[in-house]
């Protein structure tokens, strides 16, 4: 698809639509949506279906985001008309926006970038094997029809299965939920190692409020995905709210002022 280069100072945020209210759902793109809202930068969303993401990359001359077929071309991506630059990958976007807009709240200061790159690998390696079998099949019907065949093909390839629906039938849900809870318990221990009950990696205080890093937004994106897919009033989500002393609900509550999908 041809990229639409804006003539204003409004950042274009490329996201993947769904049938959910507001369309925003992806744990990966929510990292950047939270970030843009947190920084208070003017932006608008341009929705891109999965089959069109490759064309979007090529229109900006960007290389694949990652090696391999499944996640080679993925969102989020932004286009900043002020610098005439397109950036893909949430961790790169966070560093770019911190550098270009230093008067906004920083989530990826230079002294934390090596840590955050390490965290990203550890977090994804811990959570994705646990969450993928349950949530990748359940996401499929909530995508727009134009994206469903791409999702099915790439996720069946990712999971090494013939049919996505066979990966985790409903009778296996309890076992898979237990595995997700275990994986999130590992992440909780990373934070608990500080010993002061903090919810975010840099903590915060009553006067200044919480301090967010890209790592916090990464966790929040996946927890929010669980809430979106299961439903805020579901028993499944109620159980997640109680995990690890309510830590994950508290994180979303801290980010509630930035839970804006209206743009």
C-alpha atoms as a PDB file:
ATOM      1  CA  UNK A   1       0.000   0.000   0.000  1.00  0.00           C
ATOM      2  CA  UNK A   2       1.193   3.541  -0.627  1.00  0.00           C
ATOM      3  CA  UNK A   3       2.171   5.479   2.469  1.00  0.00           C
ATOM      4  CA  UNK A   4       0.250   8.677   3.052  1.00  0.00           C
ATOM      5  CA  UNK A   5       2.795  11.314   3.964  1.00  0.00           C
ATOM      6  CA  UNK A   6       1.094  14.031   5.991  1.00  0.00           C
ATOM      7  CA  UNK A   7       1.788  17.739   5.599  1.00  0.00           C
ATOM      8  CA  UNK A   8       1.129  18.598   9.246  1.00  0.00           C
ATOM      9  CA  UNK A   9       3.070  18.026  12.451  1.00  0.00           C
ATOM     10  CA  UNK A  10       0.776  15.202  13.520  1.00  0.00           C
ATOM     11  CA  UNK A  11       2.587  11.881  13.922  1.00  0.00           C
ATOM     12  CA  UNK A  12       1.014   9.021  12.000  1.00  0.00           C
ATOM     13  CA  UNK A  13       0.693   5.885  14.100  1.00  0.00           C
ATOM     14  CA  UNK A  14       0.191   2.689  12.116  1.00  0.00           C
ATOM     15  CA  UNK A  15      -1.905   0.095  13.917  1.00  0.00           C
ATOM     16  CA  UNK A  16      -3.805  -3.103  13.085  1.00  0.00           C
ATOM     17  CA  UNK A  17      -7.622  -2.960  13.323  1.00  0.00           C
ATOM     18  CA  UNK A  18      -9.994  -5.429  14.943  1.00  0.00           C
ATOM     19  CA  UNK A  19     -13.723  -5.709  15.560  1.00  0.00           C
ATOM     20  CA  UNK A  20     -13.321  -4.558  19.179  1.00  0.00           C
ATOM     21  CA  UNK A  21     -14.622  -1.099  20.141  1.00  0.00           C
ATOM     22  CA  UNK A  22     -11.999   1.439  19.126  1.00  0.00           C
ATOM     23  CA  UNK A  23     -10.296  -1.285  17.023  1.00  0.00           C
ATOM     24  CA  UNK A  24      -7.045  -1.187  19.075  1.00  0.00           C
ATOM     25  CA  UNK A  25      -6.093  -4.594  20.479  1.00  0.00           C
ATOM     26  CA  UNK A  26      -2.493  -5.605  19.698  1.00  0.00           C
ATOM     27  CA  UNK A  27      -0.148  -6.028  22.679  1.00  0.00           C
ATOM     28  CA  UNK A  28       2.696  -4.783  20.497  1.00  0.00           C
ATOM     29  CA  UNK A  29       1.039  -1.670  19.130  1.00  0.00           C
ATOM     30  CA  UNK A  30      -0.465  -0.791  22.523  1.00  0.00           C
ATOM     31  CA  UNK A  31       3.106  -0.250  23.759  1.00  0.00           C
ATOM     32  CA  UNK A  32       3.394   2.659  21.324  1.00  0.00           C
ATOM     33  CA  UNK A  33      -0.180   3.893  21.776  1.00  0.00           C
ATOM     34  CA  UNK A  34       0.378   4.106  25.529  1.00  0.00           C
ATOM     35  CA  UNK A  35       3.680   5.877  24.816  1.00  0.00           C
ATOM     36  CA  UNK A  36       2.190   8.510  22.518  1.00  0.00           C
ATOM     37  CA  UNK A  37      -0.597   9.180  25.013  1.00  0.00           C
ATOM     38  CA  UNK A  38       1.878   9.364  27.897  1.00  0.00           C
ATOM     39  CA  UNK A  39       4.049  11.859  26.038  1.00  0.00           C
ATOM     40  CA  UNK A  40       1.056  13.926  24.960  1.00  0.00           C
ATOM     41  CA  UNK A  41       2.281  14.090  21.365  1.00  0.00           C
ATOM     42  CA  UNK A  42      -0.252  14.866  18.625  1.00  0.00           C
ATOM     43  CA  UNK A  43      -0.917  11.808  16.487  1.00  0.00           C
ATOM     44  CA  UNK A  44      -3.562  10.065  14.471  1.00  0.00           C
ATOM     45  CA  UNK A  45      -4.022   6.371  13.766  1.00  0.00           C
ATOM     46  CA  UNK A  46      -3.856   4.921  10.282  1.00  0.00           C
ATOM     47  CA  UNK A  47      -5.250   1.390  10.309  1.00  0.00           C
ATOM     48  CA  UNK A  48      -3.354  -1.198   8.278  1.00  0.00           C
ATOM     49  CA  UNK A  49      -4.496  -4.761   7.624  1.00  0.00           C
ATOM     50  CA  UNK A  50      -1.891  -7.515   7.924  1.00  0.00           C
ATOM     51  CA  UNK A  51      -1.504  -8.172   4.155  1.00  0.00           C
ATOM     52  CA  UNK A  52      -0.712  -4.466   3.615  1.00  0.00           C
ATOM     53  CA  UNK A  53       2.087  -4.175   6.187  1.00  0.00           C
ATOM     54  CA  UNK A  54       4.808  -5.378   3.769  1.00  0.00           C
ATOM     55  CA  UNK A  55       3.828  -2.686   1.272  1.00  0.00           C
ATOM     56  CA  UNK A  56       3.886  -0.062   4.012  1.00  0.00           C
ATOM     57  CA  UNK A  57       7.467  -1.011   4.933  1.00  0.00           C
ATOM     58  CA  UNK A  58       8.570  -0.951   1.307  1.00  0.00           C
ATOM     59  CA  UNK A  59       6.937   2.423   0.665  1.00  0.00           C
ATOM     60  CA  UNK A  60       9.198   3.881   3.371  1.00  0.00           C
ATOM     61  CA  UNK A  61      12.237   1.839   2.337  1.00  0.00           C
ATOM     62  CA  UNK A  62      12.407   0.108   5.707  1.00  0.00           C
ATOM     63  CA  UNK A  63      14.025  -3.321   6.113  1.00  0.00           C
ATOM     64  CA  UNK A  64      12.136  -6.158   7.850  1.00  0.00           C
ATOM     65  CA  UNK A  65      11.725  -5.589  11.581  1.00  0.00           C
ATOM     66  CA  UNK A  66      12.887  -9.098  12.471  1.00  0.00           C
ATOM     67  CA  UNK A  67      14.285 -12.184  10.749  1.00  0.00           C
ATOM     68  CA  UNK A  68      11.976 -15.014   9.779  1.00  0.00           C
ATOM     69  CA  UNK A  69       8.625 -15.172   8.024  1.00  0.00           C
ATOM     70  CA  UNK A  70       6.147 -14.740  10.865  1.00  0.00           C
ATOM     71  CA  UNK A  71       7.242 -11.441  12.399  1.00  0.00           C
ATOM     72  CA  UNK A  72       9.427 -10.015   9.623  1.00  0.00           C
ATOM     73  CA  UNK A  73       7.004  -7.198   8.841  1.00  0.00           C
ATOM     74  CA  UNK A  74       4.980  -6.100  11.794  1.00  0.00           C
ATOM     75  CA  UNK A  75       3.578  -3.050  13.549  1.00  0.00           C
ATOM     76  CA  UNK A  76       3.774  -0.643  15.330  1.00  0.00           C
ATOM     77  CA  UNK A  77       5.291   1.940  13.041  1.00  0.00           C
ATOM     78  CA  UNK A  78       5.195   5.729  13.154  1.00  0.00           C
ATOM     79  CA  UNK A  79       5.878   8.438  10.596  1.00  0.00           C
ATOM     80  CA  UNK A  80       7.045  11.756  11.989  1.00  0.00           C
ATOM     81  CA  UNK A  81       6.438  14.558   9.449  1.00  0.00           C
ATOM     82  CA  UNK A  82       8.667  16.943  11.397  1.00  0.00           C
ATOM     83  CA  UNK A  83      11.762  14.835  10.703  1.00  0.00           C
ATOM     84  CA  UNK A  84      10.333  12.968   7.706  1.00  0.00           C
ATOM     85  CA  UNK A  85      11.288   9.659   9.300  1.00  0.00           C
ATOM     86  CA  UNK A  86       9.466   6.353   9.597  1.00  0.00           C
ATOM     87  CA  UNK A  87      10.378   4.092  12.531  1.00  0.00           C
ATOM     88  CA  UNK A  88       9.182   0.540  13.163  1.00  0.00           C
ATOM     89  CA  UNK A  89       9.455  -1.604  16.320  1.00  0.00           C
ATOM     90  CA  UNK A  90       8.147  -0.266  19.617  1.00  0.00           C
ATOM     91  CA  UNK A  91      11.521  -0.225  21.397  1.00  0.00           C
ATOM     92  CA  UNK A  92      13.098   1.791  18.561  1.00  0.00           C
ATOM     93  CA  UNK A  93      10.091   4.106  18.489  1.00  0.00           C
ATOM     94  CA  UNK A  94      10.435   4.734  22.235  1.00  0.00           C
ATOM     95  CA  UNK A  95      14.133   5.639  21.892  1.00  0.00           C
ATOM     96  CA  UNK A  96      13.428   7.875  18.901  1.00  0.00           C
ATOM     97  CA  UNK A  97      10.623   9.799  20.595  1.00  0.00           C
ATOM     98  CA  UNK A  98      12.700  10.277  23.750  1.00  0.00           C
ATOM     99  CA  UNK A  99      15.560  11.703  21.667  1.00  0.00           C
ATOM    100  CA  UNK A 100      13.439  13.903  19.416  1.00  0.00           C
ATOM    101  CA  UNK A 101      11.031  15.157  22.080  1.00  0.00           C
ATOM    102  CA  UNK A 102      13.171  15.523  25.227  1.00  0.00           C
ATOM    103  CA  UNK A 103      10.627  17.725  26.997  1.00  0.00           C
ATOM    104  CA  UNK A 104       8.138  14.834  27.156  1.00  0.00           C
ATOM    105  CA  UNK A 105       8.265  12.052  29.789  1.00  0.00           C
ATOM    106  CA  UNK A 106      11.145   9.697  28.956  1.00  0.00           C
ATOM    107  CA  UNK A 107      10.498   5.946  28.915  1.00  0.00           C
ATOM    108  CA  UNK A 108      13.732   4.887  27.228  1.00  0.00           C
ATOM    109  CA  UNK A 109      16.591   7.066  28.494  1.00  0.00           C
ATOM    110  CA  UNK A 110      19.974   6.096  27.081  1.00  0.00           C
ATOM    111  CA  UNK A 111      21.233   4.694  30.380  1.00  0.00           C
ATOM    112  CA  UNK A 112      18.352   2.172  30.383  1.00  0.00           C
ATOM    113  CA  UNK A 113      18.441   1.052  26.760  1.00  0.00           C
ATOM    114  CA  UNK A 114      20.785  -1.907  27.234  1.00  0.00           C
ATOM    115  CA  UNK A 115      18.631  -3.087  30.155  1.00  0.00           C
ATOM    116  CA  UNK A 116      15.433  -2.680  28.158  1.00  0.00           C
ATOM    117  CA  UNK A 117      16.795  -4.610  25.181  1.00  0.00           C
ATOM    118  CA  UNK A 118      17.732  -7.412  27.569  1.00  0.00           C
ATOM    119  CA  UNK A 119      14.361  -7.231  29.303  1.00  0.00           C
ATOM    120  CA  UNK A 120      12.551  -7.436  25.970  1.00  0.00           C
ATOM    121  CA  UNK A 121      14.280 -10.713  25.098  1.00  0.00           C
ATOM    122  CA  UNK A 122      13.734 -12.173  28.564  1.00  0.00           C
ATOM    123  CA  UNK A 123      10.079 -11.122  28.778  1.00  0.00           C
ATOM    124  CA  UNK A 124       9.119 -12.371  25.335  1.00  0.00           C
ATOM    125  CA  UNK A 125      11.021 -15.597  25.877  1.00  0.00           C
ATOM    126  CA  UNK A 126       9.210 -16.148  29.167  1.00  0.00           C
ATOM    127  CA  UNK A 127       5.651 -15.139  28.270  1.00  0.00           C
ATOM    128  CA  UNK A 128       5.139 -15.865  24.577  1.00  0.00           C
ATOM    129  CA  UNK A 129       5.485 -19.679  24.805  1.00  0.00           C
ATOM    130  CA  UNK A 130       2.856 -19.633  27.555  1.00  0.00           C
ATOM    131  CA  UNK A 131       0.378 -17.130  26.119  1.00  0.00           C
ATOM    132  CA  UNK A 132       0.557 -17.962  22.404  1.00  0.00           C
ATOM    133  CA  UNK A 133      -1.265 -21.345  22.415  1.00  0.00           C
ATOM    134  CA  UNK A 134      -4.294 -19.853  24.181  1.00  0.00           C
ATOM    135  CA  UNK A 135      -4.492 -16.337  22.763  1.00  0.00           C
ATOM    136  CA  UNK A 136      -3.368 -16.625  19.145  1.00  0.00           C
ATOM    137  CA  UNK A 137      -6.343 -18.867  18.222  1.00  0.00           C
ATOM    138  CA  UNK A 138      -8.765 -16.757  20.258  1.00  0.00           C
ATOM    139  CA  UNK A 139      -7.659 -13.547  18.542  1.00  0.00           C
ATOM    140  CA  UNK A 140      -8.420 -14.851  15.040  1.00  0.00           C
ATOM    141  CA  UNK A 141     -12.205 -14.205  14.932  1.00  0.00           C
ATOM    142  CA  UNK A 142     -11.741 -10.696  16.318  1.00  0.00           C
ATOM    143  CA  UNK A 143      -9.587  -9.569  13.400  1.00  0.00           C
ATOM    144  CA  UNK A 144     -11.075  -7.963  10.325  1.00  0.00           C
ATOM    145  CA  UNK A 145     -11.774 -10.464   7.494  1.00  0.00           C
ATOM    146  CA  UNK A 146      -8.952  -9.017   5.392  1.00  0.00           C
ATOM    147  CA  UNK A 147      -6.382  -9.990   8.027  1.00  0.00           C
ATOM    148  CA  UNK A 148      -7.680 -13.381   9.121  1.00  0.00           C
ATOM    149  CA  UNK A 149      -6.043 -15.554   6.402  1.00  0.00           C
ATOM    150  CA  UNK A 150      -2.640 -13.937   7.050  1.00  0.00           C
ATOM    151  CA  UNK A 151      -2.998 -14.409  10.796  1.00  0.00           C
ATOM    152  CA  UNK A 152      -4.010 -18.043  10.392  1.00  0.00           C
ATOM    153  CA  UNK A 153      -1.142 -18.877   8.014  1.00  0.00           C
ATOM    154  CA  UNK A 154       1.608 -17.163   9.988  1.00  0.00           C
ATOM    155  CA  UNK A 155       0.416 -18.252  13.425  1.00  0.00           C
ATOM    156  CA  UNK A 156      -0.014 -21.867  12.351  1.00  0.00           C
ATOM    157  CA  UNK A 157       3.557 -21.650  11.079  1.00  0.00           C
ATOM    158  CA  UNK A 158       4.684 -20.089  14.364  1.00  0.00           C
ATOM    159  CA  UNK A 159       2.976 -22.758  16.482  1.00  0.00           C
ATOM    160  CA  UNK A 160       3.890 -25.626  14.144  1.00  0.00           C
ATOM    161  CA  UNK A 161       0.304 -26.818  13.784  1.00  0.00           C
ATOM    162  CA  UNK A 162      -2.020 -27.776  10.927  1.00  0.00           C
ATOM    163  CA  UNK A 163      -5.034 -25.908  12.302  1.00  0.00           C
ATOM    164  CA  UNK A 164      -4.988 -23.011  14.745  1.00  0.00           C
ATOM    165  CA  UNK A 165      -8.161 -24.107  16.515  1.00  0.00           C
ATOM    166  CA  UNK A 166      -6.586 -27.441  17.468  1.00  0.00           C
ATOM    167  CA  UNK A 167      -3.706 -25.909  19.436  1.00  0.00           C
ATOM    168  CA  UNK A 168      -5.616 -25.246  22.643  1.00  0.00           C
ATOM    169  CA  UNK A 169      -9.212 -26.519  22.711  1.00  0.00           C
ATOM    170  CA  UNK A 170     -11.395 -25.294  25.557  1.00  0.00           C
ATOM    171  CA  UNK A 171     -10.727 -28.343  27.737  1.00  0.00           C
ATOM    172  CA  UNK A 172      -7.046 -27.326  27.813  1.00  0.00           C
ATOM    173  CA  UNK A 173      -7.763 -23.731  28.880  1.00  0.00           C
ATOM    174  CA  UNK A 174      -7.199 -24.304  32.631  1.00  0.00           C
ATOM    175  CA  UNK A 175      -3.803 -25.900  32.025  1.00  0.00           C
ATOM    176  CA  UNK A 176      -2.730 -23.105  29.680  1.00  0.00           C
ATOM    177  CA  UNK A 177      -3.974 -20.401  32.055  1.00  0.00           C
ATOM    178  CA  UNK A 178      -1.863 -21.993  34.774  1.00  0.00           C
ATOM    179  CA  UNK A 179       1.160 -21.777  32.489  1.00  0.00           C
ATOM    180  CA  UNK A 180       0.490 -18.087  31.766  1.00  0.00           C
ATOM    181  CA  UNK A 181       0.146 -17.380  35.485  1.00  0.00           C
ATOM    182  CA  UNK A 182       3.437 -19.186  36.117  1.00  0.00           C
ATOM    183  CA  UNK A 183       5.194 -17.138  33.402  1.00  0.00           C
ATOM    184  CA  UNK A 184       3.821 -13.874  34.753  1.00  0.00           C
ATOM    185  CA  UNK A 185       4.971 -14.998  38.201  1.00  0.00           C
ATOM    186  CA  UNK A 186       8.531 -15.026  36.870  1.00  0.00           C
ATOM    187  CA  UNK A 187       8.100 -11.415  35.749  1.00  0.00           C
ATOM    188  CA  UNK A 188       6.592 -10.512  39.127  1.00  0.00           C
ATOM    189  CA  UNK A 189       9.698 -11.887  40.866  1.00  0.00           C
ATOM    190  CA  UNK A 190      11.905  -9.589  38.771  1.00  0.00           C
ATOM    191  CA  UNK A 191      10.027  -6.603  40.149  1.00  0.00           C
ATOM    192  CA  UNK A 192       9.723  -8.034  43.658  1.00  0.00           C
ATOM    193  CA  UNK A 193      13.497  -8.369  43.852  1.00  0.00           C
ATOM    194  CA  UNK A 194      13.668  -4.657  44.712  1.00  0.00           C
ATOM    195  CA  UNK A 195      11.688  -5.361  47.862  1.00  0.00           C
ATOM    196  CA  UNK A 196       9.637  -2.159  48.051  1.00  0.00           C
ATOM    197  CA  UNK A 197       6.378  -3.294  46.431  1.00  0.00           C
ATOM    198  CA  UNK A 198       6.822  -1.229  43.297  1.00  0.00           C
ATOM    199  CA  UNK A 199       4.508  -1.826  40.342  1.00  0.00           C
ATOM    200  CA  UNK A 200       6.725  -0.181  37.704  1.00  0.00           C
ATOM    201  CA  UNK A 201      10.428  -0.700  37.147  1.00  0.00           C
ATOM    202  CA  UNK A 202      11.441   2.766  38.307  1.00  0.00           C
ATOM    203  CA  UNK A 203       8.778   2.977  40.982  1.00  0.00           C
ATOM    204  CA  UNK A 204       7.632   6.479  41.866  1.00  0.00           C
ATOM    205  CA  UNK A 205       6.218   8.396  44.765  1.00  0.00           C
ATOM    206  CA  UNK A 206       2.963   9.980  45.875  1.00  0.00           C
ATOM    207  CA  UNK A 207       4.055  13.446  44.816  1.00  0.00           C
ATOM    208  CA  UNK A 208       5.563  12.738  41.399  1.00  0.00           C
ATOM    209  CA  UNK A 209       3.437   9.698  40.562  1.00  0.00           C
ATOM    210  CA  UNK A 210       4.611   6.500  38.846  1.00  0.00           C
ATOM    211  CA  UNK A 211       7.581   6.505  36.480  1.00  0.00           C
ATOM    212  CA  UNK A 212       7.073   4.390  33.378  1.00  0.00           C
ATOM    213  CA  UNK A 213       9.650   2.688  31.176  1.00  0.00           C
ATOM    214  CA  UNK A 214       9.219   0.893  27.885  1.00  0.00           C
ATOM    215  CA  UNK A 215       9.460  -2.336  29.887  1.00  0.00           C
ATOM    216  CA  UNK A 216       6.360  -1.363  31.878  1.00  0.00           C
ATOM    217  CA  UNK A 217       4.483  -0.574  28.670  1.00  0.00           C
ATOM    218  CA  UNK A 218       5.527  -3.958  27.246  1.00  0.00           C
ATOM    219  CA  UNK A 219       4.051  -5.797  30.222  1.00  0.00           C
ATOM    220  CA  UNK A 220       0.923  -3.633  30.156  1.00  0.00           C
ATOM    221  CA  UNK A 221       0.377  -4.291  26.444  1.00  0.00           C
ATOM    222  CA  UNK A 222       0.174  -8.047  27.001  1.00  0.00           C
ATOM    223  CA  UNK A 223      -1.946  -7.781  30.149  1.00  0.00           C
ATOM    224  CA  UNK A 224      -4.313  -5.458  28.299  1.00  0.00           C
ATOM    225  CA  UNK A 225      -4.517  -7.966  25.427  1.00  0.00           C
ATOM    226  CA  UNK A 226      -5.665 -10.594  27.917  1.00  0.00           C
ATOM    227  CA  UNK A 227      -8.366  -8.238  29.178  1.00  0.00           C
ATOM    228  CA  UNK A 228      -9.530  -7.269  25.690  1.00  0.00           C
ATOM    229  CA  UNK A 229      -9.820 -10.852  24.403  1.00  0.00           C
ATOM    230  CA  UNK A 230     -11.433 -12.347  27.521  1.00  0.00           C
ATOM    231  CA  UNK A 231     -13.667  -9.356  28.336  1.00  0.00           C
ATOM    232  CA  UNK A 232     -13.401  -7.029  31.318  1.00  0.00           C
ATOM    233  CA  UNK A 233     -16.314  -8.740  33.097  1.00  0.00           C
ATOM    234  CA  UNK A 234     -15.238 -12.325  32.410  1.00  0.00           C
ATOM    235  CA  UNK A 235     -14.303 -14.826  35.081  1.00  0.00           C
ATOM    236  CA  UNK A 236     -11.000 -15.355  33.288  1.00  0.00           C
ATOM    237  CA  UNK A 237     -10.091 -11.694  33.630  1.00  0.00           C
ATOM    238  CA  UNK A 238     -11.229 -11.624  37.257  1.00  0.00           C
ATOM    239  CA  UNK A 239      -8.738 -14.395  37.933  1.00  0.00           C
ATOM    240  CA  UNK A 240      -5.926 -12.461  36.226  1.00  0.00           C
ATOM    241  CA  UNK A 241      -6.780  -9.411  38.340  1.00  0.00           C
ATOM    242  CA  UNK A 242      -5.998 -11.448  41.434  1.00  0.00           C
ATOM    243  CA  UNK A 243      -2.681 -12.857  40.262  1.00  0.00           C
ATOM    244  CA  UNK A 244       0.464 -11.960  42.221  1.00  0.00           C
ATOM    245  CA  UNK A 245      -1.229  -9.672  44.697  1.00  0.00           C
ATOM    246  CA  UNK A 246      -3.207  -7.834  42.038  1.00  0.00           C
ATOM    247  CA  UNK A 247       0.004  -6.497  40.505  1.00  0.00           C
ATOM    248  CA  UNK A 248      -1.153  -6.562  36.874  1.00  0.00           C
ATOM    249  CA  UNK A 249      -4.483  -4.866  37.532  1.00  0.00           C
ATOM    250  CA  UNK A 250      -2.600  -2.184  39.475  1.00  0.00           C
ATOM    251  CA  UNK A 251      -0.319  -1.619  36.486  1.00  0.00           C
ATOM    252  CA  UNK A 252      -3.274  -1.095  34.139  1.00  0.00           C
ATOM    253  CA  UNK A 253      -4.884   1.173  36.736  1.00  0.00           C
ATOM    254  CA  UNK A 254      -1.728   3.335  36.797  1.00  0.00           C
ATOM    255  CA  UNK A 255      -1.875   3.569  33.004  1.00  0.00           C
ATOM    256  CA  UNK A 256      -5.613   4.240  32.862  1.00  0.00           C
ATOM    257  CA  UNK A 257      -5.085   7.995  32.181  1.00  0.00           C
ATOM    258  CA  UNK A 258      -3.290   6.959  28.974  1.00  0.00           C
ATOM    259  CA  UNK A 259      -5.802   4.326  27.878  1.00  0.00           C
ATOM    260  CA  UNK A 260      -6.974   6.401  24.938  1.00  0.00           C
ATOM    261  CA  UNK A 261      -7.808   4.792  21.607  1.00  0.00           C
ATOM    262  CA  UNK A 262      -9.935   7.620  20.210  1.00  0.00           C
ATOM    263  CA  UNK A 263      -7.321   9.085  17.858  1.00  0.00           C
END
